[in-house]
Amino acid sequence: MAKLNPTRMNLINLKRRIAVARKGHGILKRKQEVLIIEFLGLLKSSKESRSALNGLIMQSYKVLTIASTYVGNFELEDVALHMKEAEPISISIKNIMGVRIPEIKKSGSERALQLALLPSSLAVDDINDSFSRATDSIIEVAQMEQGLKRLVTEIDKTKRRVNALDYRVIPQMAQQSKYVRMRLEEMERDTFSALKHVKKKLARRDAA
């Protein structure tokens, strides 16, 4: 810890810095609490969505198996060949206590147009509806899990800052403040003692 010159200006500056550090500490603690609450809520929703996604995927492949029995693999393959591999999605950002959380959405209009132009059947429509719901769920789960990762990173970063203020920055400044204050008090006592000694000498000289 660097020693500061024991001046009143340094003592005033230290007190101001300690006050600012304590205020910042309080803000970071509140931020950490909000992020943890947001994380726990998102974690619960993510687990529920992940479980629902697993069910939707199983259901989609079940529908596909049934459809192949009724219309045959040839028609299904023909429809699949005219479909693009992935639907367009859009990604925007929302801000939670300074954390940039992605929001992922499916456009859907392009695939809807493709399906309207293709020869279809109830079986094909069932497959499309089933896998469309599964795709929506995948996007929802991906958004939540990306949000969880970013929240965990920010919570860890905020926790390190809080600990640094708690155990290093504020205690060091408090120790410096104590050192400067004690040195100033010591210097004041020395000055008072010196002035008292000079006053006595002047009194003796006047008496003589």
N, C-alpha and C. Protein backbone atom coordinates (compact mmCIF):
# COMPACT_ATOMS: atom_id res chain seq x y z
N MET A 1 0.84 -1.19 0.00
CA MET A 1 0.00 0.00 0.00
C MET A 1 0.88 1.24 0.00
N ALA A 2 0.65 2.15 -0.96
CA ALA A 2 1.46 3.36 -1.08
C ALA A 2 1.14 4.30 0.08
N LYS A 3 2.20 4.88 0.64
CA LYS A 3 2.03 5.84 1.72
C LYS A 3 1.71 7.21 1.14
N LEU A 4 0.72 7.87 1.70
CA LEU A 4 0.35 9.20 1.25
C LEU A 4 0.94 10.24 2.17
N ASN A 5 1.21 11.41 1.61
CA ASN A 5 1.65 12.51 2.46
C ASN A 5 0.53 12.87 3.43
N PRO A 6 0.84 12.99 4.71
CA PRO A 6 -0.19 13.27 5.71
C PRO A 6 -0.65 14.73 5.65
N THR A 7 -1.50 15.03 4.67
CA THR A 7 -2.04 16.39 4.54
C THR A 7 -3.56 16.31 4.66
N ARG A 8 -4.15 17.44 5.06
CA ARG A 8 -5.60 17.47 5.20
C ARG A 8 -6.30 17.29 3.85
N MET A 9 -5.69 17.78 2.79
CA MET A 9 -6.29 17.61 1.46
C MET A 9 -6.34 16.13 1.08
N ASN A 10 -5.26 15.40 1.37
CA ASN A 10 -5.25 13.96 1.09
C ASN A 10 -6.31 13.23 1.92
N LEU A 11 -6.48 13.67 3.16
CA LEU A 11 -7.48 13.04 4.03
C LEU A 11 -8.89 13.30 3.49
N ILE A 12 -9.13 14.52 3.05
CA ILE A 12 -10.45 14.86 2.47
C ILE A 12 -10.71 14.04 1.21
N ASN A 13 -9.70 13.95 0.35
CA ASN A 13 -9.83 13.18 -0.90
C ASN A 13 -10.09 11.70 -0.62
N LEU A 14 -9.41 11.16 0.38
CA LEU A 14 -9.61 9.76 0.74
C LEU A 14 -11.04 9.51 1.23
N LYS A 15 -11.54 10.43 2.05
CA LYS A 15 -12.91 10.28 2.55
C LYS A 15 -13.92 10.32 1.41
N ARG A 16 -13.66 11.19 0.44
CA ARG A 16 -14.55 11.26 -0.73
C ARG A 16 -14.50 9.98 -1.54
N ARG A 17 -13.29 9.46 -1.75
CA ARG A 17 -13.13 8.23 -2.53
C ARG A 17 -13.79 7.04 -1.82
N ILE A 18 -13.67 7.00 -0.49
CA ILE A 18 -14.31 5.92 0.27
C ILE A 18 -15.83 6.00 0.14
N ALA A 19 -16.36 7.23 0.21
CA ALA A 19 -17.81 7.41 0.08
C ALA A 19 -18.29 6.96 -1.31
N VAL A 20 -17.53 7.33 -2.35
CA VAL A 20 -17.89 6.93 -3.72
C VAL A 20 -17.80 5.41 -3.87
N ALA A 21 -16.74 4.81 -3.30
CA ALA A 21 -16.56 3.36 -3.40
C ALA A 21 -17.69 2.62 -2.68
N ARG A 22 -18.12 3.11 -1.53
CA ARG A 22 -19.22 2.47 -0.80
C ARG A 22 -20.54 2.61 -1.56
N LYS A 23 -20.74 3.76 -2.20
CA LYS A 23 -21.95 3.95 -3.00
C LYS A 23 -21.94 2.99 -4.20
N GLY A 24 -20.77 2.91 -4.87
CA GLY A 24 -20.64 1.97 -5.99
C GLY A 24 -20.83 0.53 -5.55
N HIS A 25 -20.35 0.20 -4.36
CA HIS A 25 -20.52 -1.14 -3.82
C HIS A 25 -21.99 -1.47 -3.64
N GLY A 26 -22.76 -0.50 -3.12
CA GLY A 26 -24.19 -0.71 -2.93
C GLY A 26 -24.92 -0.92 -4.26
N ILE A 27 -24.54 -0.13 -5.27
CA ILE A 27 -25.17 -0.26 -6.58
C ILE A 27 -24.86 -1.62 -7.19
N LEU A 28 -23.60 -2.05 -7.08
CA LEU A 28 -23.21 -3.35 -7.63
C LEU A 28 -23.91 -4.51 -6.91
N LYS A 29 -24.09 -4.38 -5.60
CA LYS A 29 -24.80 -5.42 -4.85
C LYS A 29 -26.25 -5.54 -5.31
N ARG A 30 -26.89 -4.38 -5.53
CA ARG A 30 -28.28 -4.41 -6.01
C ARG A 30 -28.34 -4.99 -7.42
N LYS A 31 -27.36 -4.63 -8.25
CA LYS A 31 -27.31 -5.19 -9.61
C LYS A 31 -27.15 -6.70 -9.56
N GLN A 32 -26.27 -7.17 -8.68
CA GLN A 32 -26.04 -8.61 -8.54
C GLN A 32 -27.32 -9.32 -8.12
N GLU A 33 -28.05 -8.74 -7.18
CA GLU A 33 -29.29 -9.36 -6.71
C GLU A 33 -30.33 -9.43 -7.84
N VAL A 34 -30.46 -8.34 -8.62
CA VAL A 34 -31.42 -8.32 -9.73
C VAL A 34 -31.04 -9.36 -10.78
N LEU A 35 -29.74 -9.45 -11.09
CA LEU A 35 -29.28 -10.41 -12.10
C LEU A 35 -29.53 -11.85 -11.65
N ILE A 36 -29.32 -12.12 -10.37
CA ILE A 36 -29.55 -13.47 -9.84
C ILE A 36 -31.04 -13.83 -9.92
N ILE A 37 -31.91 -12.87 -9.56
CA ILE A 37 -33.35 -13.11 -9.65
C ILE A 37 -33.75 -13.38 -11.10
N GLU A 38 -33.21 -12.56 -12.02
CA GLU A 38 -33.50 -12.75 -13.45
C GLU A 38 -32.99 -14.10 -13.93
N PHE A 39 -31.79 -14.48 -13.47
CA PHE A 39 -31.20 -15.76 -13.87
C PHE A 39 -32.04 -16.94 -13.39
N LEU A 40 -32.48 -16.91 -12.13
CA LEU A 40 -33.26 -18.02 -11.59
C LEU A 40 -34.60 -18.16 -12.31
N GLY A 41 -35.23 -17.02 -12.61
CA GLY A 41 -36.49 -17.08 -13.34
C GLY A 41 -36.30 -17.64 -14.74
N LEU A 42 -35.23 -17.18 -15.41
CA LEU A 42 -34.96 -17.65 -16.77
C LEU A 42 -34.55 -19.12 -16.76
N LEU A 43 -33.82 -19.54 -15.72
CA LEU A 43 -33.40 -20.94 -15.61
C LEU A 43 -34.61 -21.86 -15.49
N LYS A 44 -35.58 -21.46 -14.68
CA LYS A 44 -36.79 -22.26 -14.51
C LYS A 44 -37.55 -22.38 -15.84
N SER A 45 -37.69 -21.23 -16.53
CA SER A 45 -38.39 -21.24 -17.82
C SER A 45 -37.64 -22.06 -18.85
N SER A 46 -36.30 -21.98 -18.80
CA SER A 46 -35.48 -22.72 -19.76
C SER A 46 -35.62 -24.23 -19.57
N LYS A 47 -35.65 -24.67 -18.32
CA LYS A 47 -35.82 -26.11 -18.05
C LYS A 47 -37.18 -26.60 -18.55
N GLU A 48 -38.21 -25.79 -18.33
CA GLU A 48 -39.55 -26.16 -18.79
C GLU A 48 -39.61 -26.21 -20.32
N SER A 49 -38.98 -25.21 -20.96
CA SER A 49 -38.98 -25.15 -22.43
C SER A 49 -38.16 -26.28 -23.03
N ARG A 50 -37.05 -26.62 -22.39
CA ARG A 50 -36.22 -27.73 -22.87
C ARG A 50 -36.99 -29.05 -22.78
N SER A 51 -37.72 -29.24 -21.70
CA SER A 51 -38.51 -30.45 -21.55
C SER A 51 -39.62 -30.50 -22.61
N ALA A 52 -40.27 -29.35 -22.84
CA ALA A 52 -41.31 -29.29 -23.86
C ALA A 52 -40.74 -29.55 -25.25
N LEU A 53 -39.53 -29.04 -25.51
CA LEU A 53 -38.88 -29.25 -26.80
C LEU A 53 -38.62 -30.73 -27.05
N ASN A 54 -38.13 -31.42 -26.05
CA ASN A 54 -37.89 -32.86 -26.21
C ASN A 54 -39.17 -33.59 -26.58
N GLY A 55 -40.28 -33.20 -25.94
CA GLY A 55 -41.57 -33.82 -26.26
C GLY A 55 -42.02 -33.50 -27.68
N LEU A 56 -41.82 -32.25 -28.12
CA LEU A 56 -42.21 -31.85 -29.47
C LEU A 56 -41.40 -32.58 -30.54
N ILE A 57 -40.10 -32.75 -30.29
CA ILE A 57 -39.26 -33.45 -31.26
C ILE A 57 -39.69 -34.91 -31.39
N MET A 58 -39.96 -35.55 -30.26
CA MET A 58 -40.42 -36.95 -30.30
C MET A 58 -41.75 -37.05 -31.05
N GLN A 59 -42.65 -36.08 -30.79
CA GLN A 59 -43.95 -36.08 -31.45
C GLN A 59 -43.79 -35.85 -32.96
N SER A 60 -42.86 -34.97 -33.33
CA SER A 60 -42.65 -34.66 -34.75
C SER A 60 -42.18 -35.88 -35.52
N TYR A 61 -41.25 -36.62 -34.95
CA TYR A 61 -40.77 -37.82 -35.64
C TYR A 61 -41.83 -38.92 -35.66
N LYS A 62 -42.69 -38.92 -34.65
CA LYS A 62 -43.80 -39.88 -34.64
C LYS A 62 -44.77 -39.56 -35.78
N VAL A 63 -45.08 -38.26 -35.95
CA VAL A 63 -45.96 -37.82 -37.04
C VAL A 63 -45.33 -38.14 -38.39
N LEU A 64 -44.02 -37.94 -38.50
CA LEU A 64 -43.32 -38.24 -39.75
C LEU A 64 -43.40 -39.72 -40.10
N THR A 65 -43.25 -40.56 -39.10
CA THR A 65 -43.33 -42.01 -39.33
C THR A 65 -44.72 -42.42 -39.79
N ILE A 66 -45.74 -41.84 -39.16
CA ILE A 66 -47.12 -42.16 -39.54
C ILE A 66 -47.41 -41.67 -40.96
N ALA A 67 -46.93 -40.44 -41.29
CA ALA A 67 -47.18 -39.87 -42.60
C ALA A 67 -46.52 -40.69 -43.70
N SER A 68 -45.31 -41.18 -43.43
CA SER A 68 -44.62 -41.99 -44.45
C SER A 68 -45.38 -43.27 -44.76
N THR A 69 -46.15 -43.76 -43.79
CA THR A 69 -46.95 -44.96 -44.00
C THR A 69 -48.13 -44.69 -44.94
N TYR A 70 -48.71 -43.46 -44.82
CA TYR A 70 -49.90 -43.13 -45.61
C TYR A 70 -49.56 -42.61 -47.00
N VAL A 71 -48.58 -41.73 -47.14
CA VAL A 71 -48.32 -41.09 -48.44
C VAL A 71 -47.06 -41.61 -49.11
N GLY A 72 -46.23 -42.32 -48.35
CA GLY A 72 -45.01 -42.87 -48.93
C GLY A 72 -43.84 -41.91 -48.82
N ASN A 73 -42.66 -42.48 -48.81
CA ASN A 73 -41.45 -41.68 -48.68
C ASN A 73 -41.18 -40.82 -49.90
N PHE A 74 -41.64 -41.26 -51.09
CA PHE A 74 -41.35 -40.52 -52.32
C PHE A 74 -41.96 -39.12 -52.26
N GLU A 75 -43.25 -39.03 -51.89
CA GLU A 75 -43.90 -37.71 -51.82
C GLU A 75 -43.25 -36.84 -50.74
N LEU A 76 -42.93 -37.44 -49.62
CA LEU A 76 -42.29 -36.67 -48.55
C LEU A 76 -40.93 -36.14 -48.99
N GLU A 77 -40.15 -36.97 -49.68
CA GLU A 77 -38.85 -36.54 -50.17
C GLU A 77 -39.01 -35.44 -51.22
N ASP A 78 -40.04 -35.55 -52.05
CA ASP A 78 -40.29 -34.53 -53.08
C ASP A 78 -40.60 -33.18 -52.45
N VAL A 79 -41.42 -33.19 -51.41
CA VAL A 79 -41.73 -31.94 -50.70
C VAL A 79 -40.49 -31.39 -50.03
N ALA A 80 -39.72 -32.28 -49.42
CA ALA A 80 -38.52 -31.85 -48.69
C ALA A 80 -37.50 -31.21 -49.63
N LEU A 81 -37.40 -31.72 -50.87
CA LEU A 81 -36.43 -31.19 -51.83
C LEU A 81 -36.74 -29.74 -52.22
N HIS A 82 -38.01 -29.36 -52.14
CA HIS A 82 -38.40 -28.00 -52.51
C HIS A 82 -38.36 -27.03 -51.33
N MET A 83 -38.00 -27.53 -50.16
CA MET A 83 -37.94 -26.67 -48.98
C MET A 83 -36.51 -26.23 -48.72
N LYS A 84 -36.36 -25.02 -48.25
CA LYS A 84 -35.03 -24.55 -47.85
C LYS A 84 -34.64 -25.22 -46.53
N GLU A 85 -33.33 -25.26 -46.27
CA GLU A 85 -32.86 -25.97 -45.08
C GLU A 85 -33.23 -25.25 -43.79
N ALA A 86 -33.31 -23.96 -43.84
CA ALA A 86 -33.60 -23.22 -42.61
C ALA A 86 -34.46 -22.00 -42.91
N GLU A 87 -35.30 -21.65 -41.98
CA GLU A 87 -36.12 -20.46 -42.12
C GLU A 87 -35.32 -19.24 -41.69
N PRO A 88 -35.62 -18.09 -42.29
CA PRO A 88 -34.92 -16.87 -41.86
C PRO A 88 -35.31 -16.49 -40.43
N ILE A 89 -34.37 -16.00 -39.69
CA ILE A 89 -34.64 -15.54 -38.33
C ILE A 89 -34.09 -14.13 -38.16
N SER A 90 -34.61 -13.44 -37.20
CA SER A 90 -34.11 -12.10 -36.88
C SER A 90 -33.64 -12.09 -35.43
N ILE A 91 -32.57 -11.36 -35.19
CA ILE A 91 -32.01 -11.29 -33.84
C ILE A 91 -31.96 -9.83 -33.41
N SER A 92 -32.59 -9.54 -32.29
CA SER A 92 -32.51 -8.21 -31.68
C SER A 92 -31.91 -8.34 -30.28
N ILE A 93 -31.66 -7.22 -29.66
CA ILE A 93 -31.01 -7.23 -28.34
C ILE A 93 -31.88 -6.48 -27.33
N LYS A 94 -32.06 -7.09 -26.16
CA LYS A 94 -32.68 -6.36 -25.05
C LYS A 94 -31.67 -6.23 -23.92
N ASN A 95 -31.83 -5.19 -23.14
CA ASN A 95 -30.85 -4.85 -22.11
C ASN A 95 -31.43 -5.11 -20.73
N ILE A 96 -30.73 -5.95 -19.94
CA ILE A 96 -31.13 -6.22 -18.56
C ILE A 96 -29.96 -5.83 -17.66
N MET A 97 -30.07 -4.70 -16.98
CA MET A 97 -29.02 -4.22 -16.07
C MET A 97 -27.65 -4.20 -16.76
N GLY A 98 -27.65 -3.71 -18.00
CA GLY A 98 -26.39 -3.62 -18.73
C GLY A 98 -25.97 -4.88 -19.44
N VAL A 99 -26.75 -5.95 -19.32
CA VAL A 99 -26.43 -7.22 -19.99
C VAL A 99 -27.22 -7.30 -21.30
N ARG A 100 -26.52 -7.51 -22.41
CA ARG A 100 -27.16 -7.59 -23.71
C ARG A 100 -27.66 -9.02 -23.96
N ILE A 101 -28.97 -9.21 -23.90
CA ILE A 101 -29.59 -10.51 -24.06
C ILE A 101 -30.20 -10.60 -25.47
N PRO A 102 -29.86 -11.65 -26.24
CA PRO A 102 -30.41 -11.76 -27.60
C PRO A 102 -31.88 -12.17 -27.59
N GLU A 103 -32.64 -11.61 -28.51
CA GLU A 103 -34.02 -12.03 -28.76
C GLU A 103 -34.07 -12.58 -30.18
N ILE A 104 -34.39 -13.86 -30.31
CA ILE A 104 -34.37 -14.53 -31.61
C ILE A 104 -35.80 -14.81 -32.04
N LYS A 105 -36.13 -14.40 -33.25
CA LYS A 105 -37.49 -14.63 -33.76
C LYS A 105 -37.42 -15.21 -35.17
N LYS A 106 -38.40 -16.06 -35.48
CA LYS A 106 -38.51 -16.67 -36.81
C LYS A 106 -39.41 -15.81 -37.68
N SER A 107 -38.96 -15.54 -38.91
CA SER A 107 -39.77 -14.75 -39.84
C SER A 107 -40.99 -15.54 -40.27
N GLY A 108 -40.79 -16.73 -40.86
CA GLY A 108 -41.90 -17.63 -41.16
C GLY A 108 -42.62 -17.36 -42.46
N SER A 109 -42.57 -16.14 -42.97
CA SER A 109 -43.36 -15.82 -44.16
C SER A 109 -42.87 -16.56 -45.39
N GLU A 110 -41.55 -16.73 -45.53
CA GLU A 110 -40.99 -17.37 -46.71
C GLU A 110 -41.40 -18.84 -46.78
N ARG A 111 -41.34 -19.55 -45.67
CA ARG A 111 -41.72 -20.97 -45.68
C ARG A 111 -43.22 -21.13 -45.89
N ALA A 112 -44.01 -20.25 -45.33
CA ALA A 112 -45.45 -20.32 -45.55
C ALA A 112 -45.78 -20.18 -47.02
N LEU A 113 -45.05 -19.28 -47.71
CA LEU A 113 -45.28 -19.10 -49.14
C LEU A 113 -44.88 -20.35 -49.91
N GLN A 114 -43.77 -20.97 -49.53
CA GLN A 114 -43.31 -22.19 -50.20
C GLN A 114 -44.35 -23.30 -50.07
N LEU A 115 -44.90 -23.47 -48.87
CA LEU A 115 -45.88 -24.54 -48.64
C LEU A 115 -47.15 -24.30 -49.46
N ALA A 116 -47.50 -23.04 -49.62
CA ALA A 116 -48.71 -22.74 -50.37
C ALA A 116 -48.55 -23.09 -51.85
N LEU A 117 -47.31 -23.09 -52.36
CA LEU A 117 -47.06 -23.36 -53.77
C LEU A 117 -46.84 -24.84 -54.05
N LEU A 118 -46.74 -25.66 -53.01
CA LEU A 118 -46.45 -27.08 -53.19
C LEU A 118 -47.72 -27.91 -53.07
N PRO A 119 -47.78 -29.01 -53.84
CA PRO A 119 -48.90 -29.94 -53.64
C PRO A 119 -48.82 -30.53 -52.24
N SER A 120 -49.93 -30.59 -51.56
CA SER A 120 -49.89 -30.99 -50.16
C SER A 120 -50.97 -32.01 -49.86
N SER A 121 -50.94 -32.50 -48.63
CA SER A 121 -51.94 -33.43 -48.13
C SER A 121 -52.04 -33.22 -46.63
N LEU A 122 -53.02 -33.84 -46.02
CA LEU A 122 -53.16 -33.70 -44.57
C LEU A 122 -51.92 -34.20 -43.84
N ALA A 123 -51.34 -35.29 -44.34
CA ALA A 123 -50.15 -35.86 -43.70
C ALA A 123 -48.99 -34.88 -43.76
N VAL A 124 -48.80 -34.27 -44.94
CA VAL A 124 -47.71 -33.29 -45.10
C VAL A 124 -47.97 -32.07 -44.22
N ASP A 125 -49.23 -31.62 -44.17
CA ASP A 125 -49.56 -30.48 -43.31
C ASP A 125 -49.29 -30.79 -41.83
N ASP A 126 -49.61 -32.02 -41.43
CA ASP A 126 -49.35 -32.42 -40.04
C ASP A 126 -47.85 -32.38 -39.73
N ILE A 127 -47.05 -32.87 -40.69
CA ILE A 127 -45.59 -32.85 -40.50
C ILE A 127 -45.10 -31.41 -40.37
N ASN A 128 -45.59 -30.55 -41.28
CA ASN A 128 -45.18 -29.15 -41.25
C ASN A 128 -45.54 -28.48 -39.93
N ASP A 129 -46.79 -28.69 -39.50
CA ASP A 129 -47.23 -28.08 -38.24
C ASP A 129 -46.41 -28.59 -37.06
N SER A 130 -46.15 -29.89 -37.04
CA SER A 130 -45.41 -30.48 -35.93
C SER A 130 -43.98 -29.96 -35.86
N PHE A 131 -43.29 -29.98 -37.01
CA PHE A 131 -41.90 -29.52 -37.02
C PHE A 131 -41.81 -28.01 -36.88
N SER A 132 -42.85 -27.30 -37.32
CA SER A 132 -42.87 -25.84 -37.13
C SER A 132 -42.93 -25.50 -35.65
N ARG A 133 -43.76 -26.23 -34.89
CA ARG A 133 -43.82 -26.02 -33.44
C ARG A 133 -42.48 -26.38 -32.78
N ALA A 134 -41.86 -27.45 -33.27
CA ALA A 134 -40.56 -27.84 -32.72
C ALA A 134 -39.51 -26.77 -33.01
N THR A 135 -39.56 -26.20 -34.23
CA THR A 135 -38.61 -25.13 -34.59
C THR A 135 -38.79 -23.90 -33.71
N ASP A 136 -40.04 -23.52 -33.49
CA ASP A 136 -40.32 -22.38 -32.59
C ASP A 136 -39.75 -22.64 -31.20
N SER A 137 -39.91 -23.89 -30.74
CA SER A 137 -39.41 -24.24 -29.41
C SER A 137 -37.89 -24.22 -29.38
N ILE A 138 -37.25 -24.68 -30.46
CA ILE A 138 -35.78 -24.65 -30.52
C ILE A 138 -35.28 -23.22 -30.42
N ILE A 139 -35.93 -22.32 -31.16
CA ILE A 139 -35.53 -20.91 -31.12
C ILE A 139 -35.71 -20.32 -29.72
N GLU A 140 -36.83 -20.68 -29.09
CA GLU A 140 -37.09 -20.19 -27.73
C GLU A 140 -36.04 -20.69 -26.75
N VAL A 141 -35.71 -21.98 -26.84
CA VAL A 141 -34.71 -22.55 -25.94
C VAL A 141 -33.33 -21.94 -26.20
N ALA A 142 -32.98 -21.76 -27.48
CA ALA A 142 -31.69 -21.15 -27.83
C ALA A 142 -31.58 -19.74 -27.25
N GLN A 143 -32.66 -18.98 -27.36
CA GLN A 143 -32.66 -17.62 -26.82
C GLN A 143 -32.46 -17.63 -25.30
N MET A 144 -33.18 -18.52 -24.63
CA MET A 144 -33.07 -18.59 -23.16
C MET A 144 -31.67 -19.03 -22.73
N GLU A 145 -31.12 -20.03 -23.39
CA GLU A 145 -29.82 -20.55 -22.98
C GLU A 145 -28.70 -19.55 -23.27
N GLN A 146 -28.83 -18.79 -24.36
CA GLN A 146 -27.85 -17.72 -24.61
C GLN A 146 -27.97 -16.64 -23.54
N GLY A 147 -29.21 -16.33 -23.17
CA GLY A 147 -29.42 -15.35 -22.10
C GLY A 147 -28.83 -15.82 -20.78
N LEU A 148 -28.99 -17.12 -20.47
CA LEU A 148 -28.43 -17.67 -19.24
C LEU A 148 -26.90 -17.55 -19.22
N LYS A 149 -26.27 -17.87 -20.36
CA LYS A 149 -24.81 -17.78 -20.43
C LYS A 149 -24.33 -16.36 -20.17
N ARG A 150 -25.01 -15.40 -20.78
CA ARG A 150 -24.59 -14.00 -20.60
C ARG A 150 -24.86 -13.51 -19.19
N LEU A 151 -25.96 -13.96 -18.60
CA LEU A 151 -26.25 -13.57 -17.22
C LEU A 151 -25.23 -14.15 -16.25
N VAL A 152 -24.85 -15.42 -16.47
CA VAL A 152 -23.83 -16.05 -15.60
C VAL A 152 -22.52 -15.28 -15.68
N THR A 153 -22.12 -14.91 -16.90
CA THR A 153 -20.88 -14.15 -17.08
C THR A 153 -20.94 -12.82 -16.35
N GLU A 154 -22.07 -12.12 -16.47
CA GLU A 154 -22.20 -10.81 -15.83
C GLU A 154 -22.30 -10.93 -14.32
N ILE A 155 -22.98 -11.96 -13.83
CA ILE A 155 -23.07 -12.18 -12.37
C ILE A 155 -21.68 -12.43 -11.80
N ASP A 156 -20.88 -13.25 -12.50
CA ASP A 156 -19.52 -13.55 -12.04
C ASP A 156 -18.66 -12.29 -12.04
N LYS A 157 -18.80 -11.49 -13.10
CA LYS A 157 -18.02 -10.24 -13.20
C LYS A 157 -18.41 -9.27 -12.08
N THR A 158 -19.72 -9.15 -11.84
CA THR A 158 -20.21 -8.25 -10.79
C THR A 158 -19.77 -8.73 -9.41
N LYS A 159 -19.79 -10.05 -9.20
CA LYS A 159 -19.36 -10.61 -7.92
C LYS A 159 -17.88 -10.30 -7.66
N ARG A 160 -17.04 -10.41 -8.69
CA ARG A 160 -15.62 -10.10 -8.52
C ARG A 160 -15.42 -8.63 -8.16
N ARG A 161 -16.20 -7.76 -8.78
CA ARG A 161 -16.08 -6.32 -8.47
C ARG A 161 -16.52 -6.03 -7.03
N VAL A 162 -17.62 -6.66 -6.62
CA VAL A 162 -18.11 -6.47 -5.25
C VAL A 162 -17.07 -6.96 -4.25
N ASN A 163 -16.49 -8.13 -4.50
CA ASN A 163 -15.47 -8.68 -3.60
C ASN A 163 -14.22 -7.80 -3.57
N ALA A 164 -13.85 -7.26 -4.73
CA ALA A 164 -12.68 -6.38 -4.78
C ALA A 164 -12.90 -5.14 -3.92
N LEU A 165 -14.09 -4.57 -4.00
CA LEU A 165 -14.41 -3.40 -3.16
C LEU A 165 -14.48 -3.79 -1.70
N ASP A 166 -15.07 -4.96 -1.43
CA ASP A 166 -15.26 -5.42 -0.05
C ASP A 166 -13.95 -5.71 0.67
N TYR A 167 -13.07 -6.43 -0.02
CA TYR A 167 -11.89 -6.99 0.65
C TYR A 167 -10.56 -6.33 0.29
N ARG A 168 -10.57 -5.45 -0.72
CA ARG A 168 -9.29 -4.83 -1.10
C ARG A 168 -9.38 -3.31 -1.17
N VAL A 169 -10.22 -2.80 -2.05
CA VAL A 169 -10.22 -1.36 -2.33
C VAL A 169 -10.63 -0.54 -1.11
N ILE A 170 -11.82 -0.82 -0.56
CA ILE A 170 -12.31 -0.02 0.58
C ILE A 170 -11.43 -0.21 1.82
N PRO A 171 -11.05 -1.46 2.19
CA PRO A 171 -10.16 -1.60 3.36
C PRO A 171 -8.82 -0.88 3.19
N GLN A 172 -8.25 -0.91 1.99
CA GLN A 172 -6.97 -0.22 1.77
C GLN A 172 -7.13 1.29 1.93
N MET A 173 -8.20 1.83 1.35
CA MET A 173 -8.41 3.28 1.49
C MET A 173 -8.72 3.66 2.93
N ALA A 174 -9.46 2.78 3.64
CA ALA A 174 -9.74 3.05 5.05
C ALA A 174 -8.45 3.04 5.87
N GLN A 175 -7.56 2.10 5.53
CA GLN A 175 -6.27 2.03 6.23
C GLN A 175 -5.42 3.26 5.94
N GLN A 176 -5.43 3.70 4.68
CA GLN A 176 -4.70 4.91 4.32
C GLN A 176 -5.27 6.12 5.04
N SER A 177 -6.59 6.19 5.10
CA SER A 177 -7.25 7.31 5.79
C SER A 177 -6.87 7.32 7.27
N LYS A 178 -6.86 6.13 7.86
CA LYS A 178 -6.49 6.03 9.29
C LYS A 178 -5.05 6.47 9.50
N TYR A 179 -4.15 6.05 8.59
CA TYR A 179 -2.73 6.42 8.70
C TYR A 179 -2.56 7.93 8.60
N VAL A 180 -3.21 8.55 7.60
CA VAL A 180 -3.09 10.00 7.41
C VAL A 180 -3.67 10.74 8.61
N ARG A 181 -4.82 10.29 9.11
CA ARG A 181 -5.45 10.94 10.26
C ARG A 181 -4.56 10.85 11.49
N MET A 182 -3.98 9.67 11.74
CA MET A 182 -3.11 9.50 12.90
C MET A 182 -1.85 10.36 12.78
N ARG A 183 -1.28 10.45 11.57
CA ARG A 183 -0.09 11.28 11.37
C ARG A 183 -0.42 12.75 11.56
N LEU A 184 -1.60 13.17 11.09
CA LEU A 184 -2.00 14.57 11.27
C LEU A 184 -2.19 14.88 12.76
N GLU A 185 -2.82 13.94 13.47
CA GLU A 185 -3.01 14.15 14.92
C GLU A 185 -1.67 14.20 15.63
N GLU A 186 -0.76 13.32 15.21
CA GLU A 186 0.58 13.32 15.82
C GLU A 186 1.30 14.63 15.53
N MET A 187 1.19 15.11 14.29
CA MET A 187 1.84 16.37 13.94
C MET A 187 1.23 17.54 14.71
N GLU A 188 -0.11 17.49 14.92
CA GLU A 188 -0.77 18.54 15.69
C GLU A 188 -0.29 18.54 17.13
N ARG A 189 -0.12 17.34 17.72
CA ARG A 189 0.38 17.24 19.09
C ARG A 189 1.80 17.77 19.18
N ASP A 190 2.63 17.39 18.17
CA ASP A 190 4.01 17.88 18.16
C ASP A 190 4.04 19.40 18.02
N THR A 191 3.20 19.94 17.18
CA THR A 191 3.14 21.39 16.98
C THR A 191 2.67 22.09 18.25
N PHE A 192 1.64 21.50 18.87
CA PHE A 192 1.11 22.08 20.11
C PHE A 192 2.17 22.05 21.20
N SER A 193 2.89 20.91 21.28
CA SER A 193 3.95 20.79 22.29
C SER A 193 5.06 21.79 22.03
N ALA A 194 5.43 21.97 20.75
CA ALA A 194 6.49 22.92 20.40
C ALA A 194 6.06 24.34 20.72
N LEU A 195 4.81 24.68 20.40
CA LEU A 195 4.31 26.03 20.69
C LEU A 195 4.25 26.28 22.19
N LYS A 196 3.88 25.25 22.93
CA LYS A 196 3.82 25.39 24.40
C LYS A 196 5.21 25.63 24.97
N HIS A 197 6.21 24.88 24.38
CA HIS A 197 7.59 25.04 24.83
C HIS A 197 8.10 26.45 24.52
N VAL A 198 7.78 26.94 23.32
CA VAL A 198 8.20 28.29 22.93
C VAL A 198 7.54 29.32 23.81
N LYS A 199 6.27 29.10 24.14
CA LYS A 199 5.54 30.05 24.98
C LYS A 199 6.17 30.13 26.37
N LYS A 200 6.60 28.97 26.88
CA LYS A 200 7.25 28.96 28.20
C LYS A 200 8.58 29.72 28.16
N LYS A 201 9.36 29.48 27.08
CA LYS A 201 10.63 30.17 26.94
C LYS A 201 10.44 31.67 26.86
N LEU A 202 9.41 32.10 26.11
CA LEU A 202 9.13 33.53 25.99
C LEU A 202 8.69 34.10 27.33
N ALA A 203 7.93 33.29 28.08
CA ALA A 203 7.47 33.75 29.39
C ALA A 203 8.64 33.92 30.35
N ARG A 204 9.60 32.94 30.31
CA ARG A 204 10.77 33.05 31.18
C ARG A 204 11.62 34.25 30.79
N ARG A 205 11.74 34.46 29.45
CA ARG A 205 12.56 35.61 29.00
C ARG A 205 11.92 36.92 29.43
N ASP A 206 10.58 37.00 29.32
CA ASP A 206 9.88 38.22 29.74
C ASP A 206 10.04 38.44 31.24
N ALA A 207 10.01 37.34 32.00
CA ALA A 207 10.13 37.45 33.46
C ALA A 207 11.54 37.92 33.86
N ALA A 208 12.54 37.47 33.09
CA ALA A 208 13.91 37.86 33.38
C ALA A 208 14.13 39.33 33.01
